[in-house]
């Protein structure tokens, strides 16, 4: 080993690969404060999301974004909700002053999903 061998450094020109989307990233979810939680159900009264971390509490009002992306619908809307229940990793909320066009979209989505899945 020579006196200057420690100066030999290999530097690759490889670029880091682009970050892949997480496999468990939800298609339909609620988002707030930079967090997202998968939607378990949605209807014209409100929603239920799973995998919840407890960052909201019952009777709290929150501003969230709802993203629905599945074979039955693809839409996004911001909304104010009243949190109705938080337990066992789930959060449920009721819409506050849902715009008529969003309400119609949700109703159409629920009806289509029911026709296709029977649920």
N, C-alpha and C. Protein backbone atom coordinates (compact mmCIF):
# COMPACT_ATOMS: atom_id res chain seq x y z
N UNK A 1 0.84 -1.17 0.00
CA UNK A 1 0.00 0.00 0.00
C UNK A 1 0.89 1.23 0.00
N UNK A 2 0.65 2.11 -0.96
CA UNK A 2 1.47 3.30 -1.11
C UNK A 2 1.07 4.40 -0.14
N UNK A 3 1.92 5.37 -0.08
CA UNK A 3 1.72 6.46 0.85
C UNK A 3 0.48 7.30 0.53
N UNK A 4 0.10 7.40 -0.74
CA UNK A 4 -1.03 8.23 -1.12
C UNK A 4 -2.26 7.43 -1.57
N UNK A 5 -2.32 6.15 -1.26
CA UNK A 5 -3.45 5.32 -1.66
C UNK A 5 -4.78 5.81 -1.06
N UNK A 6 -4.70 6.46 0.07
CA UNK A 6 -5.93 6.94 0.70
C UNK A 6 -6.59 8.05 -0.11
N UNK A 7 -5.85 8.65 -1.05
CA UNK A 7 -6.41 9.70 -1.88
C UNK A 7 -7.21 9.17 -3.07
N UNK A 8 -7.09 7.89 -3.35
CA UNK A 8 -7.82 7.30 -4.47
C UNK A 8 -9.28 7.14 -4.07
N UNK A 9 -10.09 7.89 -4.72
CA UNK A 9 -11.52 7.88 -4.42
C UNK A 9 -12.28 7.59 -5.70
N UNK A 10 -13.20 6.67 -5.65
CA UNK A 10 -14.05 6.40 -6.81
C UNK A 10 -15.33 7.18 -6.65
N UNK A 11 -15.63 7.92 -7.66
CA UNK A 11 -16.87 8.68 -7.66
C UNK A 11 -17.67 8.22 -8.86
N UNK A 12 -18.83 7.72 -8.59
CA UNK A 12 -19.69 7.27 -9.68
C UNK A 12 -20.55 8.41 -10.20
N UNK A 13 -20.92 8.30 -11.45
CA UNK A 13 -21.79 9.30 -12.06
C UNK A 13 -23.25 8.88 -11.99
N UNK A 14 -23.52 7.89 -11.17
CA UNK A 14 -24.90 7.38 -11.09
C UNK A 14 -25.78 8.39 -10.38
N UNK A 15 -26.95 8.61 -10.95
CA UNK A 15 -27.93 9.46 -10.29
C UNK A 15 -28.85 8.58 -9.48
N UNK A 16 -29.35 9.13 -8.42
CA UNK A 16 -30.29 8.38 -7.60
C UNK A 16 -31.57 8.16 -8.41
N UNK A 17 -32.15 6.96 -8.30
CA UNK A 17 -33.42 6.75 -8.99
C UNK A 17 -34.52 7.60 -8.35
N UNK A 18 -35.48 7.96 -9.15
CA UNK A 18 -36.59 8.75 -8.63
C UNK A 18 -37.31 7.97 -7.54
N UNK A 19 -37.75 8.67 -6.54
CA UNK A 19 -38.46 8.01 -5.44
C UNK A 19 -39.73 7.36 -5.97
N UNK A 20 -39.88 6.11 -5.65
CA UNK A 20 -41.07 5.39 -6.09
C UNK A 20 -42.23 5.71 -5.16
N UNK A 21 -43.42 5.68 -5.72
CA UNK A 21 -44.61 5.89 -4.90
C UNK A 21 -44.75 4.71 -3.97
N UNK A 22 -45.03 4.97 -2.72
CA UNK A 22 -45.19 3.90 -1.75
C UNK A 22 -46.28 2.95 -2.21
N UNK A 23 -46.02 1.67 -2.05
CA UNK A 23 -46.98 0.66 -2.48
C UNK A 23 -48.28 0.75 -1.70
N UNK A 24 -48.18 1.21 -0.45
CA UNK A 24 -49.38 1.29 0.36
C UNK A 24 -50.03 2.68 0.33
N UNK A 25 -49.55 3.55 -0.56
CA UNK A 25 -50.13 4.88 -0.68
C UNK A 25 -51.58 4.75 -1.16
N UNK A 26 -52.49 5.38 -0.46
CA UNK A 26 -53.90 5.21 -0.80
C UNK A 26 -54.28 5.92 -2.10
N UNK A 27 -55.23 5.33 -2.83
CA UNK A 27 -55.78 5.99 -4.01
C UNK A 27 -56.88 6.94 -3.58
N UNK A 28 -57.76 6.47 -2.71
CA UNK A 28 -58.82 7.30 -2.15
C UNK A 28 -58.46 7.59 -0.70
N UNK A 29 -58.40 8.86 -0.36
CA UNK A 29 -57.93 9.22 0.98
C UNK A 29 -58.45 10.58 1.41
N UNK A 30 -58.24 10.86 2.69
CA UNK A 30 -58.42 12.22 3.20
C UNK A 30 -57.02 12.74 3.49
N UNK A 31 -56.83 14.04 3.31
CA UNK A 31 -55.53 14.65 3.55
C UNK A 31 -55.69 15.92 4.38
N UNK A 32 -54.77 16.09 5.32
CA UNK A 32 -54.69 17.34 6.08
C UNK A 32 -53.33 17.38 6.76
N UNK A 33 -52.81 18.56 6.98
CA UNK A 33 -51.52 18.75 7.65
C UNK A 33 -50.41 17.89 7.07
N UNK A 34 -50.42 17.68 5.76
CA UNK A 34 -49.37 16.90 5.13
C UNK A 34 -49.47 15.40 5.35
N UNK A 35 -50.57 14.94 5.91
CA UNK A 35 -50.79 13.52 6.17
C UNK A 35 -51.94 13.03 5.31
N UNK A 36 -51.97 11.73 5.01
CA UNK A 36 -53.11 11.18 4.30
C UNK A 36 -53.49 9.84 4.92
N UNK A 37 -54.80 9.55 4.90
CA UNK A 37 -55.34 8.34 5.49
C UNK A 37 -56.35 7.74 4.52
N UNK A 38 -56.27 6.42 4.27
CA UNK A 38 -57.16 5.78 3.30
C UNK A 38 -58.63 5.89 3.67
N UNK A 39 -59.46 6.15 2.67
CA UNK A 39 -60.91 6.20 2.88
C UNK A 39 -61.46 4.79 2.98
N UNK A 40 -62.25 4.53 4.01
CA UNK A 40 -62.94 3.25 4.13
C UNK A 40 -64.32 3.37 3.51
N UNK A 41 -64.96 4.53 3.71
CA UNK A 41 -66.26 4.78 3.09
C UNK A 41 -66.52 6.27 2.99
N UNK A 42 -67.42 6.60 2.08
CA UNK A 42 -67.81 7.99 1.88
C UNK A 42 -69.27 7.98 1.43
N UNK A 43 -70.03 8.95 1.91
CA UNK A 43 -71.41 9.12 1.45
C UNK A 43 -71.77 10.60 1.57
N UNK A 44 -73.04 10.93 1.35
CA UNK A 44 -73.43 12.34 1.33
C UNK A 44 -73.45 12.97 2.73
N UNK A 45 -73.33 12.16 3.77
CA UNK A 45 -73.27 12.71 5.12
C UNK A 45 -71.84 12.91 5.63
N UNK A 46 -70.91 12.04 5.18
CA UNK A 46 -69.56 12.14 5.69
C UNK A 46 -68.66 11.02 5.21
N UNK A 47 -67.66 10.68 6.02
CA UNK A 47 -66.65 9.70 5.61
C UNK A 47 -66.15 8.91 6.82
N UNK A 48 -65.47 7.82 6.53
CA UNK A 48 -64.70 7.06 7.52
C UNK A 48 -63.36 6.77 6.87
N UNK A 49 -62.28 7.03 7.60
CA UNK A 49 -60.93 6.75 7.11
C UNK A 49 -60.22 5.82 8.10
N UNK A 50 -59.30 5.03 7.58
CA UNK A 50 -58.58 4.07 8.41
C UNK A 50 -57.12 4.46 8.55
N UNK A 51 -56.39 3.71 9.37
CA UNK A 51 -54.97 3.97 9.57
C UNK A 51 -54.71 5.29 10.25
N UNK A 52 -55.67 5.78 11.01
CA UNK A 52 -55.61 7.12 11.58
C UNK A 52 -54.65 7.18 12.76
N UNK A 53 -53.91 8.28 12.87
CA UNK A 53 -52.89 8.43 13.91
C UNK A 53 -53.37 9.18 15.15
N UNK A 54 -54.64 9.58 15.21
CA UNK A 54 -55.16 10.25 16.39
C UNK A 54 -54.87 11.73 16.45
N UNK A 55 -54.48 12.34 15.33
CA UNK A 55 -54.13 13.76 15.33
C UNK A 55 -55.34 14.69 15.34
N UNK A 56 -56.53 14.16 15.23
CA UNK A 56 -57.77 14.92 15.40
C UNK A 56 -58.57 14.26 16.51
N UNK A 57 -59.43 15.04 17.15
CA UNK A 57 -60.25 14.49 18.23
C UNK A 57 -61.72 14.70 17.93
N UNK A 58 -62.56 13.91 18.57
CA UNK A 58 -64.01 14.03 18.38
C UNK A 58 -64.48 15.43 18.75
N UNK A 59 -65.45 15.93 18.02
CA UNK A 59 -66.05 17.25 18.18
C UNK A 59 -65.16 18.39 17.70
N UNK A 60 -64.05 18.06 17.06
CA UNK A 60 -63.16 19.07 16.49
C UNK A 60 -63.60 19.37 15.07
N UNK A 61 -63.41 20.59 14.63
CA UNK A 61 -63.66 20.97 13.24
C UNK A 61 -62.32 21.01 12.53
N UNK A 62 -62.29 20.48 11.32
CA UNK A 62 -61.03 20.44 10.56
C UNK A 62 -61.30 20.74 9.10
N UNK A 63 -60.29 21.25 8.44
CA UNK A 63 -60.34 21.50 7.00
C UNK A 63 -59.50 20.40 6.35
N UNK A 64 -60.12 19.58 5.49
CA UNK A 64 -59.43 18.47 4.86
C UNK A 64 -59.63 18.50 3.35
N UNK A 65 -58.86 17.70 2.66
CA UNK A 65 -59.06 17.47 1.23
C UNK A 65 -59.41 16.01 1.08
N UNK A 66 -60.46 15.74 0.32
CA UNK A 66 -60.88 14.37 0.06
C UNK A 66 -60.50 14.04 -1.38
N UNK A 67 -59.82 12.92 -1.56
CA UNK A 67 -59.44 12.44 -2.88
C UNK A 67 -60.04 11.06 -3.10
N UNK A 68 -60.85 10.95 -4.14
CA UNK A 68 -61.42 9.66 -4.51
C UNK A 68 -60.82 9.29 -5.86
N UNK A 69 -60.18 8.14 -5.91
CA UNK A 69 -59.56 7.67 -7.15
C UNK A 69 -59.66 6.15 -7.18
N UNK A 70 -60.70 5.67 -7.81
CA UNK A 70 -60.90 4.23 -7.98
C UNK A 70 -61.72 4.01 -9.25
N UNK A 71 -62.05 2.78 -9.58
CA UNK A 71 -62.77 2.54 -10.84
C UNK A 71 -64.16 3.20 -10.91
N UNK A 72 -64.70 3.63 -9.80
CA UNK A 72 -66.06 4.18 -9.76
C UNK A 72 -66.10 5.70 -9.79
N UNK A 73 -64.97 6.34 -9.55
CA UNK A 73 -64.94 7.80 -9.57
C UNK A 73 -63.53 8.33 -9.38
N UNK A 74 -63.34 9.56 -9.84
CA UNK A 74 -62.05 10.23 -9.70
C UNK A 74 -62.34 11.71 -9.50
N UNK A 75 -62.35 12.15 -8.24
CA UNK A 75 -62.61 13.55 -7.94
C UNK A 75 -61.93 13.94 -6.63
N UNK A 76 -61.74 15.23 -6.46
CA UNK A 76 -61.07 15.79 -5.28
C UNK A 76 -61.82 17.04 -4.87
N UNK A 77 -61.96 17.23 -3.55
CA UNK A 77 -62.58 18.46 -3.09
C UNK A 77 -62.11 18.80 -1.68
N UNK A 78 -61.92 20.10 -1.40
CA UNK A 78 -61.62 20.55 -0.05
C UNK A 78 -62.93 20.76 0.70
N UNK A 79 -62.93 20.49 1.99
CA UNK A 79 -64.17 20.61 2.76
C UNK A 79 -63.86 20.78 4.24
N UNK A 80 -64.77 21.42 4.93
CA UNK A 80 -64.69 21.50 6.39
C UNK A 80 -65.55 20.38 6.95
N UNK A 81 -65.01 19.68 7.94
CA UNK A 81 -65.73 18.56 8.55
C UNK A 81 -65.77 18.72 10.06
N UNK A 82 -66.78 18.12 10.65
CA UNK A 82 -66.84 17.97 12.09
C UNK A 82 -66.47 16.53 12.40
N UNK A 83 -65.46 16.31 13.20
CA UNK A 83 -65.02 14.96 13.54
C UNK A 83 -66.04 14.38 14.52
N UNK A 84 -66.62 13.25 14.14
CA UNK A 84 -67.68 12.65 14.96
C UNK A 84 -67.19 11.49 15.81
N UNK A 85 -66.14 10.79 15.36
CA UNK A 85 -65.67 9.63 16.11
C UNK A 85 -64.21 9.34 15.77
N UNK A 86 -63.42 9.02 16.78
CA UNK A 86 -62.04 8.62 16.60
C UNK A 86 -61.78 7.45 17.54
N UNK A 87 -61.54 6.27 16.95
CA UNK A 87 -61.18 5.11 17.77
C UNK A 87 -60.68 3.96 16.91
N UNK A 88 -59.87 3.12 17.52
CA UNK A 88 -59.35 1.92 16.87
C UNK A 88 -58.72 2.20 15.51
N UNK A 89 -57.97 3.28 15.39
CA UNK A 89 -57.30 3.60 14.14
C UNK A 89 -58.21 4.11 13.04
N UNK A 90 -59.43 4.51 13.41
CA UNK A 90 -60.38 5.05 12.44
C UNK A 90 -60.80 6.45 12.85
N UNK A 91 -61.17 7.23 11.85
CA UNK A 91 -61.72 8.55 12.10
C UNK A 91 -62.97 8.70 11.23
N UNK A 92 -64.02 9.25 11.81
CA UNK A 92 -65.25 9.51 11.07
C UNK A 92 -65.56 11.00 11.16
N UNK A 93 -66.08 11.54 10.08
CA UNK A 93 -66.40 12.95 10.06
C UNK A 93 -67.65 13.23 9.27
N UNK A 94 -68.31 14.34 9.60
CA UNK A 94 -69.52 14.77 8.90
C UNK A 94 -69.21 16.07 8.17
N UNK A 95 -69.69 16.16 6.93
CA UNK A 95 -69.46 17.36 6.12
C UNK A 95 -70.15 18.56 6.75
N UNK A 96 -69.52 19.72 6.60
CA UNK A 96 -70.13 21.00 6.99
C UNK A 96 -70.33 21.81 5.71
N UNK A 97 -71.56 22.17 5.41
CA UNK A 97 -71.88 23.01 4.26
C UNK A 97 -71.22 22.50 2.97
N UNK A 98 -71.56 21.29 2.59
CA UNK A 98 -71.04 20.68 1.37
C UNK A 98 -71.69 21.36 0.16
N UNK A 99 -70.90 21.87 -0.79
CA UNK A 99 -71.47 22.50 -1.99
C UNK A 99 -72.37 21.51 -2.74
N UNK A 100 -73.41 22.02 -3.38
CA UNK A 100 -74.40 21.18 -4.07
C UNK A 100 -73.77 20.32 -5.15
N UNK A 101 -72.81 20.86 -5.90
CA UNK A 101 -72.19 20.06 -6.96
C UNK A 101 -71.35 18.91 -6.40
N UNK A 102 -70.69 19.13 -5.27
CA UNK A 102 -69.91 18.07 -4.63
C UNK A 102 -70.84 17.01 -4.06
N UNK A 103 -71.94 17.45 -3.45
CA UNK A 103 -72.93 16.52 -2.92
C UNK A 103 -73.47 15.63 -4.04
N UNK A 104 -73.79 16.23 -5.19
CA UNK A 104 -74.30 15.48 -6.33
C UNK A 104 -73.25 14.48 -6.84
N UNK A 105 -72.00 14.87 -6.87
CA UNK A 105 -70.92 13.99 -7.31
C UNK A 105 -70.78 12.81 -6.37
N UNK A 106 -70.82 13.06 -5.07
CA UNK A 106 -70.72 11.98 -4.09
C UNK A 106 -71.89 11.02 -4.22
N UNK A 107 -73.10 11.56 -4.35
CA UNK A 107 -74.29 10.70 -4.49
C UNK A 107 -74.20 9.83 -5.75
N UNK A 108 -73.75 10.41 -6.84
CA UNK A 108 -73.59 9.66 -8.09
C UNK A 108 -72.54 8.57 -7.92
N UNK A 109 -71.43 8.90 -7.26
CA UNK A 109 -70.36 7.95 -6.99
C UNK A 109 -70.86 6.77 -6.14
N UNK A 110 -71.56 7.07 -5.06
CA UNK A 110 -72.08 6.03 -4.17
C UNK A 110 -73.05 5.12 -4.92
N UNK A 111 -73.92 5.72 -5.74
CA UNK A 111 -74.89 4.94 -6.50
C UNK A 111 -74.17 4.03 -7.51
N UNK A 112 -73.19 4.54 -8.23
CA UNK A 112 -72.44 3.75 -9.19
C UNK A 112 -71.69 2.61 -8.52
N UNK A 113 -71.08 2.92 -7.41
CA UNK A 113 -70.33 1.89 -6.66
C UNK A 113 -71.26 0.79 -6.16
N UNK A 114 -72.42 1.19 -5.69
CA UNK A 114 -73.41 0.22 -5.19
C UNK A 114 -73.88 -0.70 -6.32
N UNK A 115 -74.12 -0.11 -7.49
CA UNK A 115 -74.56 -0.90 -8.65
C UNK A 115 -73.50 -1.91 -9.06
N UNK A 116 -72.24 -1.50 -9.06
CA UNK A 116 -71.16 -2.35 -9.54
C UNK A 116 -70.70 -3.40 -8.52
N UNK A 117 -70.74 -3.06 -7.23
CA UNK A 117 -70.21 -3.97 -6.22
C UNK A 117 -71.30 -4.61 -5.36
N UNK A 118 -72.47 -4.03 -5.36
CA UNK A 118 -73.52 -4.54 -4.48
C UNK A 118 -73.34 -4.11 -3.04
N UNK A 119 -72.38 -3.20 -2.78
CA UNK A 119 -72.12 -2.72 -1.40
C UNK A 119 -72.44 -1.25 -1.30
